[in-house]
N, C-alpha and C. Protein backbone atom coordinates (compact mmCIF):
# COMPACT_ATOMS: atom_id res chain seq x y z
N UNK A 1 0.84 -1.18 0.00
CA UNK A 1 0.00 0.00 0.00
C UNK A 1 0.89 1.24 0.00
N UNK A 2 0.48 2.22 -0.73
CA UNK A 2 1.21 3.47 -0.85
C UNK A 2 0.60 4.50 0.11
N UNK A 3 1.32 5.58 0.32
CA UNK A 3 0.83 6.65 1.18
C UNK A 3 0.92 7.97 0.42
N UNK A 4 -0.19 8.71 0.43
CA UNK A 4 -0.25 9.98 -0.30
C UNK A 4 -0.78 11.07 0.61
N UNK A 5 -0.31 12.29 0.38
CA UNK A 5 -0.77 13.44 1.16
C UNK A 5 -1.99 14.11 0.56
N UNK A 6 -2.13 14.01 -0.75
CA UNK A 6 -3.24 14.69 -1.43
C UNK A 6 -3.91 13.76 -2.43
N UNK A 7 -5.12 14.10 -2.77
CA UNK A 7 -5.88 13.36 -3.77
C UNK A 7 -5.16 13.39 -5.11
N UNK A 8 -4.68 14.55 -5.52
CA UNK A 8 -4.02 14.65 -6.83
C UNK A 8 -2.73 13.82 -6.88
N UNK A 9 -2.01 13.76 -5.77
CA UNK A 9 -0.81 12.92 -5.71
C UNK A 9 -1.17 11.45 -5.91
N UNK A 10 -2.23 11.00 -5.26
CA UNK A 10 -2.68 9.61 -5.41
C UNK A 10 -3.11 9.32 -6.84
N UNK A 11 -3.92 10.20 -7.40
CA UNK A 11 -4.41 9.99 -8.77
C UNK A 11 -3.26 9.94 -9.76
N UNK A 12 -2.32 10.87 -9.65
CA UNK A 12 -1.19 10.90 -10.58
C UNK A 12 -0.34 9.63 -10.48
N UNK A 13 -0.11 9.15 -9.27
CA UNK A 13 0.68 7.93 -9.11
C UNK A 13 -0.07 6.70 -9.61
N UNK A 14 -1.36 6.63 -9.32
CA UNK A 14 -2.15 5.49 -9.80
C UNK A 14 -2.17 5.45 -11.32
N UNK A 15 -2.26 6.60 -11.96
CA UNK A 15 -2.21 6.65 -13.42
C UNK A 15 -0.86 6.11 -13.91
N UNK A 16 0.22 6.52 -13.27
CA UNK A 16 1.55 6.02 -13.65
C UNK A 16 1.65 4.51 -13.50
N UNK A 17 0.88 3.96 -12.54
CA UNK A 17 0.91 2.51 -12.30
C UNK A 17 -0.15 1.76 -13.10
N UNK A 18 -0.79 2.44 -14.07
CA UNK A 18 -1.68 1.75 -15.00
C UNK A 18 -3.16 1.88 -14.73
N UNK A 19 -3.56 2.59 -13.70
CA UNK A 19 -4.99 2.78 -13.39
C UNK A 19 -5.49 3.99 -14.18
N UNK A 20 -5.70 3.80 -15.47
CA UNK A 20 -5.95 4.93 -16.37
C UNK A 20 -7.41 5.14 -16.74
N UNK A 21 -8.26 4.20 -16.46
CA UNK A 21 -9.67 4.31 -16.83
C UNK A 21 -10.46 4.99 -15.72
N UNK A 22 -11.34 5.90 -16.10
CA UNK A 22 -12.24 6.53 -15.14
C UNK A 22 -13.52 5.72 -15.07
N UNK A 23 -13.89 5.31 -13.87
CA UNK A 23 -15.15 4.63 -13.66
C UNK A 23 -16.09 5.57 -12.92
N UNK A 24 -17.33 5.57 -13.31
CA UNK A 24 -18.34 6.42 -12.69
C UNK A 24 -19.23 5.57 -11.80
N UNK A 25 -19.55 6.10 -10.65
CA UNK A 25 -20.41 5.44 -9.68
C UNK A 25 -21.71 6.22 -9.59
N UNK A 26 -22.81 5.56 -9.91
CA UNK A 26 -24.12 6.19 -9.78
C UNK A 26 -24.90 5.44 -8.71
N UNK A 27 -25.48 6.18 -7.80
CA UNK A 27 -26.11 5.57 -6.63
C UNK A 27 -27.30 4.69 -6.97
N UNK A 28 -27.94 4.91 -8.09
CA UNK A 28 -29.14 4.13 -8.41
C UNK A 28 -28.84 2.93 -9.30
N UNK A 29 -27.56 2.63 -9.52
CA UNK A 29 -27.20 1.51 -10.38
C UNK A 29 -26.27 0.56 -9.64
N UNK A 30 -26.32 -0.71 -10.01
CA UNK A 30 -25.51 -1.73 -9.37
C UNK A 30 -24.28 -2.10 -10.18
N UNK A 31 -23.71 -1.14 -10.87
CA UNK A 31 -22.51 -1.39 -11.64
C UNK A 31 -21.74 -0.08 -11.80
N UNK A 32 -20.46 -0.22 -12.15
CA UNK A 32 -19.64 0.93 -12.48
C UNK A 32 -19.74 1.17 -13.97
N UNK A 33 -19.74 2.40 -14.36
CA UNK A 33 -19.76 2.75 -15.77
C UNK A 33 -18.34 3.11 -16.19
N UNK A 34 -17.87 2.48 -17.24
CA UNK A 34 -16.56 2.77 -17.79
C UNK A 34 -16.72 3.90 -18.79
N UNK A 35 -16.23 5.07 -18.45
CA UNK A 35 -16.46 6.23 -19.31
C UNK A 35 -15.68 6.15 -20.62
N UNK A 36 -14.56 5.42 -20.65
CA UNK A 36 -13.76 5.32 -21.88
C UNK A 36 -14.32 4.33 -22.89
N UNK A 37 -14.81 3.19 -22.40
CA UNK A 37 -15.19 2.11 -23.31
C UNK A 37 -16.68 1.83 -23.35
N UNK A 38 -17.46 2.63 -22.68
CA UNK A 38 -18.93 2.50 -22.70
C UNK A 38 -19.43 1.11 -22.32
N UNK A 39 -18.91 0.54 -21.27
CA UNK A 39 -19.46 -0.71 -20.75
C UNK A 39 -19.56 -0.61 -19.24
N UNK A 40 -20.24 -1.58 -18.64
CA UNK A 40 -20.44 -1.58 -17.20
C UNK A 40 -19.68 -2.73 -16.56
N UNK A 41 -19.28 -2.51 -15.30
CA UNK A 41 -18.67 -3.55 -14.49
C UNK A 41 -19.57 -3.82 -13.30
N UNK A 42 -20.03 -5.04 -13.18
CA UNK A 42 -20.81 -5.41 -11.99
C UNK A 42 -19.83 -5.71 -10.86
N UNK A 43 -20.28 -5.74 -9.62
CA UNK A 43 -19.38 -6.03 -8.50
C UNK A 43 -18.64 -7.36 -8.64
N UNK A 44 -19.20 -8.30 -9.38
CA UNK A 44 -18.54 -9.60 -9.59
C UNK A 44 -17.43 -9.54 -10.63
N UNK A 45 -17.37 -8.43 -11.40
CA UNK A 45 -16.42 -8.31 -12.50
C UNK A 45 -15.13 -7.57 -12.13
N UNK A 46 -15.01 -7.05 -10.91
CA UNK A 46 -13.81 -6.31 -10.56
C UNK A 46 -13.42 -6.56 -9.11
N UNK A 47 -12.17 -6.20 -8.82
CA UNK A 47 -11.67 -6.22 -7.44
C UNK A 47 -11.15 -4.83 -7.10
N UNK A 48 -11.20 -4.52 -5.82
CA UNK A 48 -10.68 -3.25 -5.35
C UNK A 48 -9.26 -3.53 -4.85
N UNK A 49 -8.29 -2.97 -5.56
CA UNK A 49 -6.89 -3.22 -5.24
C UNK A 49 -6.38 -2.33 -4.11
N UNK A 50 -6.79 -1.07 -4.13
CA UNK A 50 -6.31 -0.11 -3.14
C UNK A 50 -7.40 0.91 -2.87
N UNK A 51 -7.35 1.49 -1.65
CA UNK A 51 -8.31 2.52 -1.24
C UNK A 51 -7.54 3.62 -0.53
N UNK A 52 -7.87 4.87 -0.87
CA UNK A 52 -7.24 6.02 -0.21
C UNK A 52 -8.31 7.04 0.13
N UNK A 53 -8.26 7.53 1.37
CA UNK A 53 -9.19 8.55 1.84
C UNK A 53 -8.44 9.86 2.07
N UNK A 54 -9.13 10.96 1.79
CA UNK A 54 -8.55 12.28 1.98
C UNK A 54 -9.59 13.19 2.62
N UNK A 55 -9.20 13.86 3.69
CA UNK A 55 -10.09 14.81 4.35
C UNK A 55 -9.96 16.17 3.68
N UNK A 56 -11.05 16.92 3.71
CA UNK A 56 -11.03 18.27 3.17
C UNK A 56 -10.11 19.16 3.98
N UNK A 57 -9.50 20.14 3.33
CA UNK A 57 -8.57 21.04 4.00
C UNK A 57 -9.25 21.88 5.07
N UNK A 58 -10.49 22.32 4.80
CA UNK A 58 -11.17 23.18 5.76
C UNK A 58 -12.20 22.45 6.60
N UNK A 59 -12.71 21.34 6.10
CA UNK A 59 -13.75 20.61 6.81
C UNK A 59 -13.41 19.12 6.81
N UNK A 60 -13.00 18.57 7.96
CA UNK A 60 -12.65 17.15 8.02
C UNK A 60 -13.79 16.22 7.62
N UNK A 61 -15.03 16.70 7.70
CA UNK A 61 -16.17 15.87 7.29
C UNK A 61 -16.30 15.80 5.77
N UNK A 62 -15.61 16.67 5.07
CA UNK A 62 -15.63 16.70 3.61
C UNK A 62 -14.50 15.81 3.10
N UNK A 63 -14.81 14.53 2.91
CA UNK A 63 -13.79 13.58 2.50
C UNK A 63 -13.97 13.13 1.06
N UNK A 64 -12.87 12.75 0.45
CA UNK A 64 -12.88 12.10 -0.85
C UNK A 64 -12.25 10.73 -0.68
N UNK A 65 -12.64 9.85 -1.55
CA UNK A 65 -12.08 8.50 -1.50
C UNK A 65 -11.76 8.05 -2.92
N UNK A 66 -10.64 7.36 -3.06
CA UNK A 66 -10.20 6.84 -4.34
C UNK A 66 -10.14 5.32 -4.23
N UNK A 67 -10.82 4.66 -5.13
CA UNK A 67 -10.76 3.20 -5.24
C UNK A 67 -9.95 2.87 -6.48
N UNK A 68 -8.84 2.14 -6.33
CA UNK A 68 -8.10 1.62 -7.47
C UNK A 68 -8.70 0.25 -7.78
N UNK A 69 -9.21 0.11 -8.99
CA UNK A 69 -10.01 -1.06 -9.36
C UNK A 69 -9.40 -1.76 -10.57
N UNK A 70 -9.45 -3.09 -10.56
CA UNK A 70 -9.00 -3.84 -11.73
C UNK A 70 -10.01 -4.94 -12.05
N UNK A 71 -10.01 -5.29 -13.33
CA UNK A 71 -10.88 -6.37 -13.81
C UNK A 71 -10.08 -7.26 -14.74
N UNK A 72 -9.81 -8.48 -14.29
CA UNK A 72 -9.14 -9.45 -15.16
C UNK A 72 -10.04 -9.83 -16.33
N UNK A 73 -11.33 -9.90 -16.07
CA UNK A 73 -12.29 -10.28 -17.11
C UNK A 73 -12.24 -9.32 -18.30
N UNK A 74 -12.08 -8.03 -18.01
CA UNK A 74 -12.06 -7.02 -19.08
C UNK A 74 -10.66 -6.47 -19.34
N UNK A 75 -9.66 -7.01 -18.62
CA UNK A 75 -8.27 -6.57 -18.79
C UNK A 75 -8.16 -5.04 -18.69
N UNK A 76 -8.64 -4.50 -17.57
CA UNK A 76 -8.69 -3.05 -17.42
C UNK A 76 -8.41 -2.67 -15.97
N UNK A 77 -7.78 -1.51 -15.80
CA UNK A 77 -7.52 -0.96 -14.48
C UNK A 77 -7.93 0.51 -14.49
N UNK A 78 -8.52 0.95 -13.38
CA UNK A 78 -8.94 2.34 -13.32
C UNK A 78 -9.27 2.76 -11.91
N UNK A 79 -9.94 3.91 -11.82
CA UNK A 79 -10.25 4.50 -10.52
C UNK A 79 -11.70 4.95 -10.44
N UNK A 80 -12.21 4.91 -9.24
CA UNK A 80 -13.46 5.57 -8.88
C UNK A 80 -13.08 6.60 -7.83
N UNK A 81 -13.42 7.84 -8.08
CA UNK A 81 -13.18 8.90 -7.11
C UNK A 81 -14.54 9.41 -6.69
N UNK A 82 -14.77 9.43 -5.38
CA UNK A 82 -16.09 9.78 -4.88
C UNK A 82 -15.98 10.54 -3.58
N UNK A 83 -17.01 11.31 -3.30
CA UNK A 83 -17.06 11.94 -1.98
C UNK A 83 -17.38 10.87 -0.96
N UNK A 84 -16.89 11.05 0.24
CA UNK A 84 -17.13 10.08 1.29
C UNK A 84 -17.69 10.81 2.50
N UNK A 85 -18.59 11.72 2.23
CA UNK A 85 -19.21 12.46 3.32
C UNK A 85 -20.57 11.88 3.62
N UNK A 86 -21.46 12.73 4.02
CA UNK A 86 -22.79 12.30 4.42
C UNK A 86 -23.54 11.62 3.28
N UNK A 87 -23.35 12.08 2.04
CA UNK A 87 -24.16 11.52 0.95
C UNK A 87 -23.75 10.11 0.59
N UNK A 88 -22.51 9.69 0.86
CA UNK A 88 -22.10 8.31 0.57
C UNK A 88 -22.83 7.33 1.48
N UNK A 89 -23.11 7.75 2.69
CA UNK A 89 -23.71 6.87 3.67
C UNK A 89 -25.13 6.44 3.39
N UNK A 90 -25.91 7.25 2.69
CA UNK A 90 -27.30 6.88 2.51
C UNK A 90 -27.58 6.16 1.20
N UNK A 91 -26.61 6.02 0.37
CA UNK A 91 -26.83 5.27 -0.87
C UNK A 91 -26.98 3.80 -0.53
N UNK A 92 -27.80 3.10 -1.30
CA UNK A 92 -28.05 1.71 -0.90
C UNK A 92 -28.14 0.76 -2.09
N UNK A 93 -27.23 0.86 -3.01
CA UNK A 93 -27.20 -0.11 -4.09
C UNK A 93 -26.27 -1.25 -3.73
N UNK A 94 -26.35 -2.33 -4.46
CA UNK A 94 -25.47 -3.48 -4.25
C UNK A 94 -24.01 -3.07 -4.46
N UNK A 95 -23.77 -2.22 -5.44
CA UNK A 95 -22.42 -1.77 -5.73
C UNK A 95 -21.84 -0.95 -4.58
N UNK A 96 -22.61 -0.03 -4.05
CA UNK A 96 -22.13 0.79 -2.94
C UNK A 96 -21.86 -0.09 -1.72
N UNK A 97 -22.68 -1.08 -1.48
CA UNK A 97 -22.43 -2.01 -0.38
C UNK A 97 -21.11 -2.75 -0.60
N UNK A 98 -20.84 -3.13 -1.83
CA UNK A 98 -19.57 -3.80 -2.18
C UNK A 98 -18.39 -2.88 -1.87
N UNK A 99 -18.49 -1.62 -2.24
CA UNK A 99 -17.44 -0.67 -1.98
C UNK A 99 -17.28 -0.38 -0.49
N UNK A 100 -18.38 -0.28 0.21
CA UNK A 100 -18.34 -0.03 1.65
C UNK A 100 -17.62 -1.16 2.39
N UNK A 101 -17.89 -2.41 1.99
CA UNK A 101 -17.24 -3.54 2.64
C UNK A 101 -15.72 -3.47 2.49
N UNK A 102 -15.28 -2.96 1.35
CA UNK A 102 -13.84 -2.86 1.11
C UNK A 102 -13.21 -1.80 2.01
N UNK A 103 -13.96 -0.81 2.42
CA UNK A 103 -13.43 0.26 3.24
C UNK A 103 -13.17 -0.21 4.66
N UNK A 104 -14.01 -1.08 5.14
CA UNK A 104 -13.93 -1.52 6.54
C UNK A 104 -12.72 -2.35 6.84
């Protein structure tokens, strides 16, 4: 596991290590959307390799989280970057539950 001081430092290093695809997380869907290749990844299609949390500079409750994700099935590596504040807690899709388990 690596250690980063800022979100941008983590993102830049993950890109250098091959995590180049942006995945989008939508609370009402049970899959990640691959913005580059227009396909979806269900929770069974990927693993979470690394997780990094960052607190906001002015408000510690304003957190961001980076998930480094890979899929052997699709031969792809990328990231999900999401807020980890109050709004992350009330989402209730299968995908969000999968991501939450990885955080614990």
